[in-house]
């Protein structure tokens, strides 16, 4: 069954041209000011709702769109769907998302590549708290490949390739790090792992607090494996996929012959919490050479240092190939450090994992 997806590479211009979409005039003004701090970003237009944004996107051809979710006439999710059907443009959702995150995940499923959470629903200067995050994500979006995963691809079912014979090089744990493009990307990997997977899987995905449990439940509906948000003291067992909760590092501890989850605030000096580096280092310390690390799409270099720990213990690393990444940042950092054993396109990653366990 074909798993082809629609992918459009956004050209990187000297100046990133942005369309700002929000029903609040105050927010449009503030977001424009926040983005205009950078000499490499230009706000070329603002729109009050999705309908107006569709017209302006066609007229202005922006490089990136920032978009609220809750708007009159046409909300953010519908706008993302309509815009992607017309022309794939990188869209960064910026919203308070007051419906328990459902709308955020729908927008990401529809093709939005990232999300910035507004610190308040009120028209206040607290919006400035996310200025740096917004700028970083808009600049990354301008370099991103917009990847739309069709429903038939996410529901393709488990792959059953020939498994390698379990031996000295086999894995006892699969640890995965992913960021920008993660919610869609994981849907091309985890549902393709079989119910009888002989090892546990643990995932760090950079998401705001409050979204990982909902995402785990949504992903679980597509999978033969059990997908859950990791809980303190939970056994790490085969057939279970653990997603680190936003705001806590996921580490492992061996107690009386079994391995359990520990959720920690420390270390405090990581750019992200949870951090891929922390998960990978912990896995290497507990599972040693029988650790398989997988670094997927995302900006930055989280996972590079952790991959070095896994390699130092004799474990192996897979990285997502540039051509399938939404943002070829995290995998690139591992590749360029000489730590990757194999670079694999996302559609083949599940098969590559199975071949190594």
Protein backbone atom coordinates (compact mmCIF):
# COMPACT_ATOMS: atom_id res chain seq x y z
CA UNK A 1 0.00 0.00 0.00
CA UNK A 2 1.37 3.39 -0.93
CA UNK A 3 2.24 5.78 1.86
CA UNK A 4 3.08 8.74 -0.33
CA UNK A 5 2.57 12.15 1.22
CA UNK A 6 2.37 15.63 -0.18
CA UNK A 7 5.54 17.53 0.57
CA UNK A 8 6.50 21.04 -0.50
CA UNK A 9 9.86 22.63 0.12
CA UNK A 10 9.55 26.30 1.08
CA UNK A 11 12.38 28.32 -0.45
CA UNK A 12 14.53 30.17 2.05
CA UNK A 13 14.55 33.89 1.22
CA UNK A 14 16.79 36.53 2.78
CA UNK A 15 13.67 37.95 4.39
CA UNK A 16 10.93 35.67 5.77
CA UNK A 17 7.58 37.06 4.66
CA UNK A 18 4.84 36.37 7.23
CA UNK A 19 1.05 36.62 7.20
CA UNK A 20 -0.43 37.04 10.70
CA UNK A 21 -3.96 35.70 11.26
CA UNK A 22 -5.91 36.49 14.45
CA UNK A 23 -9.36 37.84 15.21
CA UNK A 24 -7.95 40.23 17.84
CA UNK A 25 -6.62 43.54 16.49
CA UNK A 26 -4.44 43.82 19.59
CA UNK A 27 -2.89 40.40 19.05
CA UNK A 28 -2.27 41.14 15.38
CA UNK A 29 -0.47 44.32 16.39
CA UNK A 30 1.57 42.60 19.12
CA UNK A 31 2.56 39.64 16.94
CA UNK A 32 3.59 42.03 14.19
CA UNK A 33 5.79 43.94 16.65
CA UNK A 34 7.28 40.70 18.03
CA UNK A 35 8.19 39.39 14.59
CA UNK A 36 9.47 42.76 13.39
CA UNK A 37 12.19 42.64 16.05
CA UNK A 38 14.14 40.52 13.60
CA UNK A 39 15.66 42.20 10.54
CA UNK A 40 15.11 38.89 8.72
CA UNK A 41 11.32 38.80 9.20
CA UNK A 42 8.74 41.00 7.52
CA UNK A 43 5.01 40.92 8.26
CA UNK A 44 3.47 41.41 4.83
CA UNK A 45 -0.15 41.32 5.95
CA UNK A 46 -2.64 40.61 8.72
CA UNK A 47 -6.02 38.89 8.53
CA UNK A 48 -8.98 38.73 10.93
CA UNK A 49 -10.14 35.20 10.16
CA UNK A 50 -9.55 32.20 7.96
CA UNK A 51 -11.63 33.45 5.04
CA UNK A 52 -9.70 36.69 4.80
CA UNK A 53 -6.44 34.78 5.31
CA UNK A 54 -7.12 32.51 2.32
CA UNK A 55 -7.56 35.54 0.06
CA UNK A 56 -4.47 37.27 1.42
CA UNK A 57 -2.33 34.14 1.19
CA UNK A 58 -3.21 33.83 -2.49
CA UNK A 59 -2.48 37.52 -3.11
CA UNK A 60 0.71 37.84 -1.01
CA UNK A 61 2.29 34.34 -1.24
CA UNK A 62 3.83 34.52 2.26
CA UNK A 63 6.66 32.20 3.30
CA UNK A 64 5.03 31.48 6.68
CA UNK A 65 1.61 32.02 8.27
CA UNK A 66 0.92 32.41 11.98
CA UNK A 67 -2.66 31.55 12.84
CA UNK A 68 -5.02 31.60 15.79
CA UNK A 69 -7.47 28.73 16.24
CA UNK A 70 -10.63 30.29 17.64
CA UNK A 71 -11.87 32.82 15.06
CA UNK A 72 -15.25 33.76 13.54
CA UNK A 73 -16.24 33.03 9.93
CA UNK A 74 -13.52 30.39 9.54
CA UNK A 75 -11.51 29.00 12.43
CA UNK A 76 -7.89 27.92 12.43
CA UNK A 77 -8.39 24.20 11.78
CA UNK A 78 -10.63 24.80 8.76
CA UNK A 79 -8.22 27.43 7.49
CA UNK A 80 -5.26 25.03 7.68
CA UNK A 81 -7.27 22.39 5.81
CA UNK A 82 -8.35 24.84 3.10
CA UNK A 83 -4.93 26.44 2.71
CA UNK A 84 -3.15 23.09 2.42
CA UNK A 85 -5.62 22.02 -0.26
CA UNK A 86 -4.81 25.17 -2.24
CA UNK A 87 -1.07 25.55 -1.63
CA UNK A 88 1.08 24.08 1.13
CA UNK A 89 2.52 26.92 3.20
CA UNK A 90 4.25 26.43 6.58
CA UNK A 91 1.73 27.40 9.28
CA UNK A 92 2.58 28.01 12.92
CA UNK A 93 -0.46 27.86 15.19
CA UNK A 94 -0.51 30.51 17.93
CA UNK A 95 -3.43 30.06 20.29
CA UNK A 96 -4.57 29.73 23.87
CA UNK A 97 -6.18 26.47 22.70
CA UNK A 98 -8.82 26.44 25.43
CA UNK A 99 -10.52 23.24 24.26
CA UNK A 100 -8.17 20.84 26.01
CA UNK A 101 -5.81 20.78 23.07
CA UNK A 102 -8.18 19.01 20.65
CA UNK A 103 -8.07 21.87 18.15
CA UNK A 104 -4.27 22.04 18.29
CA UNK A 105 -3.91 18.38 17.38
CA UNK A 106 -6.51 18.73 14.61
CA UNK A 107 -4.55 21.65 13.15
CA UNK A 108 -1.29 19.69 13.30
CA UNK A 109 -3.02 16.72 11.66
CA UNK A 110 -4.23 19.04 8.91
CA UNK A 111 -0.67 20.13 8.12
CA UNK A 112 0.34 22.93 10.51
CA UNK A 113 3.97 22.33 11.41
CA UNK A 114 4.30 23.87 14.87
CA UNK A 115 2.48 25.46 17.78
CA UNK A 116 3.13 28.37 20.13
CA UNK A 117 0.89 28.60 23.17
CA UNK A 118 -0.35 32.06 24.06
CA UNK A 119 0.32 32.74 27.74
CA UNK A 120 -3.14 34.27 28.16
CA UNK A 121 -6.43 34.68 26.30
CA UNK A 122 -6.50 38.33 27.38
CA UNK A 123 -5.22 41.24 25.31
CA UNK A 124 -2.16 41.95 27.43
CA UNK A 125 1.57 42.44 27.16
CA UNK A 126 2.08 38.90 28.48
CA UNK A 127 2.12 37.92 24.82
CA UNK A 128 5.67 39.24 24.79
CA UNK A 129 6.66 36.27 26.95
CA UNK A 130 6.60 34.05 23.85
CA UNK A 131 8.31 36.50 21.48
CA UNK A 132 11.60 34.60 21.29
CA UNK A 133 9.86 31.23 20.85
CA UNK A 134 7.63 32.62 18.11
CA UNK A 135 10.55 34.14 16.20
CA UNK A 136 12.55 30.93 16.42
CA UNK A 137 9.66 28.81 15.17
CA UNK A 138 8.75 31.19 12.35
CA UNK A 139 12.35 31.20 11.10
CA UNK A 140 12.46 27.40 11.33
CA UNK A 141 9.13 27.18 9.50
CA UNK A 142 10.58 29.15 6.60
CA UNK A 143 13.14 26.35 6.12
CA UNK A 144 10.63 23.56 6.68
CA UNK A 145 9.11 21.05 4.31
CA UNK A 146 5.34 20.99 4.67
CA UNK A 147 4.36 17.36 5.05
CA UNK A 148 0.71 16.30 4.84
CA UNK A 149 0.18 12.70 5.91
CA UNK A 150 -3.00 11.25 4.36
CA UNK A 151 -5.31 9.27 6.63
CA UNK A 152 -4.74 6.07 4.67
CA UNK A 153 -1.02 6.32 5.39
CA UNK A 154 -1.44 6.72 9.16
CA UNK A 155 -3.87 3.81 9.20
CA UNK A 156 -1.74 1.58 6.99
CA UNK A 157 -1.36 -0.98 9.77
CA UNK A 158 1.75 -2.71 11.11
CA UNK A 159 4.52 -3.70 8.75
CA UNK A 160 5.85 -7.21 9.09
CA UNK A 161 9.39 -7.24 7.62
CA UNK A 162 11.86 -10.01 8.33
CA UNK A 163 13.20 -9.51 11.81
CA UNK A 164 16.88 -9.88 12.53
CA UNK A 165 17.76 -12.83 14.76
CA UNK A 166 18.10 -11.69 18.36
CA UNK A 167 21.77 -11.68 19.28
CA UNK A 168 24.54 -9.64 20.81
CA UNK A 169 23.64 -6.61 18.70
CA UNK A 170 19.91 -6.72 19.32
CA UNK A 171 18.10 -4.01 21.30
CA UNK A 172 16.21 -4.21 24.57
CA UNK A 173 14.84 -0.65 24.29
CA UNK A 174 13.97 1.78 21.50
CA UNK A 175 14.22 5.47 22.43
CA UNK A 176 12.96 8.13 20.02
CA UNK A 177 13.49 11.88 19.94
CA UNK A 178 11.37 14.16 17.77
CA UNK A 179 10.30 17.80 17.66
CA UNK A 180 8.99 19.98 14.81
CA UNK A 181 6.71 17.81 12.68
CA UNK A 182 6.49 15.24 15.46
CA UNK A 183 2.72 14.74 15.84
CA UNK A 184 2.38 13.75 12.18
CA UNK A 185 5.76 12.06 11.93
CA UNK A 186 5.11 9.55 14.69
CA UNK A 187 1.94 8.46 12.89
CA UNK A 188 4.12 7.08 10.10
CA UNK A 189 6.23 5.08 12.55
CA UNK A 190 4.46 3.86 15.69
CA UNK A 191 1.26 2.43 14.06
CA UNK A 192 3.52 0.28 11.86
CA UNK A 193 5.10 -1.54 14.78
CA UNK A 194 3.44 -4.90 15.53
CA UNK A 195 1.56 -5.82 18.70
CA UNK A 196 4.17 -8.47 19.53
CA UNK A 197 7.06 -5.98 19.54
CA UNK A 198 9.57 -7.63 21.91
CA UNK A 199 10.91 -4.37 23.40
CA UNK A 200 9.46 -1.19 24.93
CA UNK A 201 9.55 2.17 23.15
CA UNK A 202 10.06 5.51 24.89
CA UNK A 203 9.56 8.86 23.16
CA UNK A 204 10.46 12.46 23.90
CA UNK A 205 8.53 14.94 21.76
CA UNK A 206 8.77 18.66 22.38
CA UNK A 207 5.20 19.77 23.16
CA UNK A 208 3.66 22.31 25.57
CA UNK A 209 2.46 21.12 28.97
CA UNK A 210 -1.00 19.58 28.80
CA UNK A 211 -0.84 18.06 25.33
CA UNK A 212 1.17 14.86 25.65
CA UNK A 213 -1.53 12.82 27.39
CA UNK A 214 -4.12 13.78 24.78
CA UNK A 215 -1.69 13.05 21.97
CA UNK A 216 -0.81 9.66 23.46
CA UNK A 217 -4.49 8.72 23.61
CA UNK A 218 -5.04 9.80 20.00
CA UNK A 219 -1.99 7.87 18.79
CA UNK A 220 -3.06 4.82 20.80
CA UNK A 221 -6.25 4.64 18.70
CA UNK A 222 -4.10 4.01 15.61
CA UNK A 223 -1.73 1.45 17.08
CA UNK A 224 -1.53 -2.26 17.82
CA UNK A 225 0.81 -1.35 20.68
CA UNK A 226 -0.37 0.39 23.85
CA UNK A 227 0.58 4.08 23.75
CA UNK A 228 0.45 6.00 27.03
CA UNK A 229 1.84 9.10 28.66
CA UNK A 230 4.56 7.82 31.00
CA UNK A 231 3.74 7.72 34.71
CA UNK A 232 6.08 7.84 37.70
CA UNK A 233 7.05 4.34 38.83
CA UNK A 234 5.52 2.63 35.78
CA UNK A 235 7.16 -0.58 34.61
CA UNK A 236 8.99 -0.31 31.29
CA UNK A 237 7.72 -3.37 29.47
CA UNK A 238 7.60 -4.80 25.95
CA UNK A 239 4.59 -3.85 23.85
CA UNK A 240 4.20 -0.43 25.49
CA UNK A 241 5.04 2.96 23.99
CA UNK A 242 5.80 5.60 26.64
CA UNK A 243 5.54 9.29 25.75
CA UNK A 244 7.36 11.58 28.15
CA UNK A 245 4.97 14.10 29.74
CA UNK A 246 5.66 17.72 28.83
CA UNK A 247 7.51 19.45 31.66
CA UNK A 248 9.27 16.33 33.02
CA UNK A 249 12.37 14.46 31.92
CA UNK A 250 11.85 10.74 31.34
CA UNK A 251 14.58 8.55 32.81
CA UNK A 252 14.92 4.86 33.67
CA UNK A 253 15.85 3.14 36.90
CA UNK A 254 16.60 -0.55 37.37
CA UNK A 255 15.09 -1.97 40.58
CA UNK A 256 15.27 -5.67 41.52
CA UNK A 257 15.65 -6.82 37.93
CA UNK A 258 12.95 -4.61 36.45
CA UNK A 259 13.14 -1.14 34.90
CA UNK A 260 10.77 1.61 36.00
CA UNK A 261 10.02 5.18 34.90
CA UNK A 262 11.25 8.17 36.82
CA UNK A 263 9.94 11.63 35.95
CA UNK A 264 12.30 14.42 36.98
CA UNK A 265 12.61 18.20 36.80
CA UNK A 266 16.39 17.97 36.83
CA UNK A 267 18.55 18.70 34.98
CA UNK A 268 17.26 22.27 34.85
CA UNK A 269 19.72 23.61 32.26
CA UNK A 270 18.33 21.81 29.19
CA UNK A 271 16.65 23.87 26.44
CA UNK A 272 13.71 21.47 26.58
CA UNK A 273 11.97 19.52 29.31
CA UNK A 274 11.68 16.68 28.53
CA UNK A 275 14.98 16.50 26.65
CA UNK A 276 15.96 13.83 24.15
CA UNK A 277 19.52 13.97 25.48
CA UNK A 278 18.36 13.07 29.00
CA UNK A 279 16.25 10.13 27.77
CA UNK A 280 19.05 8.79 25.58
CA UNK A 281 21.69 9.07 28.29
CA UNK A 282 19.47 7.32 30.81
CA UNK A 283 18.69 4.53 28.34
CA UNK A 284 22.40 4.07 27.62
CA UNK A 285 23.20 3.88 31.32
CA UNK A 286 20.52 1.27 32.02
CA UNK A 287 20.43 -0.78 28.81
CA UNK A 288 23.99 -0.27 27.58
CA UNK A 289 24.82 -1.70 24.16
CA UNK A 290 21.28 -3.01 23.76
CA UNK A 291 19.91 0.51 23.22
CA UNK A 292 18.57 1.66 19.86
CA UNK A 293 18.21 5.43 19.56
CA UNK A 294 16.15 7.08 16.82
CA UNK A 295 16.40 10.81 16.04
CA UNK A 296 13.59 12.21 13.89
CA UNK A 297 12.60 15.60 12.51
CA UNK A 298 13.10 18.72 14.61
CA UNK A 299 15.06 21.94 14.87
CA UNK A 300 18.13 22.31 17.04
CA UNK A 301 20.46 19.60 18.28
CA UNK A 302 18.61 17.88 21.13
CA UNK A 303 19.57 14.21 20.88
CA UNK A 304 23.14 14.71 19.64
CA UNK A 305 24.81 14.44 23.04
CA UNK A 306 22.49 11.61 24.04
CA UNK A 307 23.31 9.76 20.84
CA UNK A 308 26.99 10.05 21.76
CA UNK A 309 26.23 8.37 25.12
CA UNK A 310 24.42 5.52 23.37
CA UNK A 311 27.28 5.03 20.92
CA UNK A 312 29.84 5.12 23.74
CA UNK A 313 27.99 2.25 25.42
CA UNK A 314 27.95 0.23 22.18
CA UNK A 315 24.37 0.98 21.15
CA UNK A 316 23.12 2.07 17.73
CA UNK A 317 21.53 5.17 16.25
CA UNK A 318 19.10 5.70 13.38
CA UNK A 319 18.41 9.18 11.99
CA UNK A 320 15.67 10.40 9.70
CA UNK A 321 16.89 11.23 6.21
CA UNK A 322 16.86 14.88 5.17
CA UNK A 323 14.37 14.33 2.35
CA UNK A 324 11.54 13.29 4.68
CA UNK A 325 12.22 15.70 7.56
CA UNK A 326 9.96 18.67 8.19
CA UNK A 327 13.04 20.34 9.71
CA UNK A 328 16.39 18.63 9.19
CA UNK A 329 17.95 19.94 12.39
CA UNK A 330 18.14 17.30 15.11
CA UNK A 331 18.99 14.46 12.69
CA UNK A 332 21.55 16.66 10.93
CA UNK A 333 23.36 17.38 14.20
CA UNK A 334 23.69 13.64 14.86
CA UNK A 335 24.69 12.86 11.27
CA UNK A 336 27.33 15.58 11.16
CA UNK A 337 28.78 14.37 14.47
CA UNK A 338 29.35 10.97 12.84
CA UNK A 339 27.00 9.23 15.28
CA UNK A 340 24.36 7.81 12.92
CA UNK A 341 24.57 4.16 11.88
CA UNK A 342 21.97 4.65 9.17
CA UNK A 343 19.89 7.48 7.69
CA UNK A 344 16.36 6.35 6.82
CA UNK A 345 13.32 8.08 5.29
CA UNK A 346 10.39 8.27 7.67
CA UNK A 347 8.18 5.84 5.74
CA UNK A 348 10.83 3.12 6.20
CA UNK A 349 11.76 3.89 9.80
CA UNK A 350 9.47 1.27 11.37
CA UNK A 351 11.00 -1.41 9.14
CA UNK A 352 14.50 -0.19 10.02
CA UNK A 353 13.70 -0.42 13.73
CA UNK A 354 12.32 -3.94 13.41
CA UNK A 355 15.39 -5.09 11.52
CA UNK A 356 17.57 -4.04 14.47
CA UNK A 357 15.72 -5.61 17.36
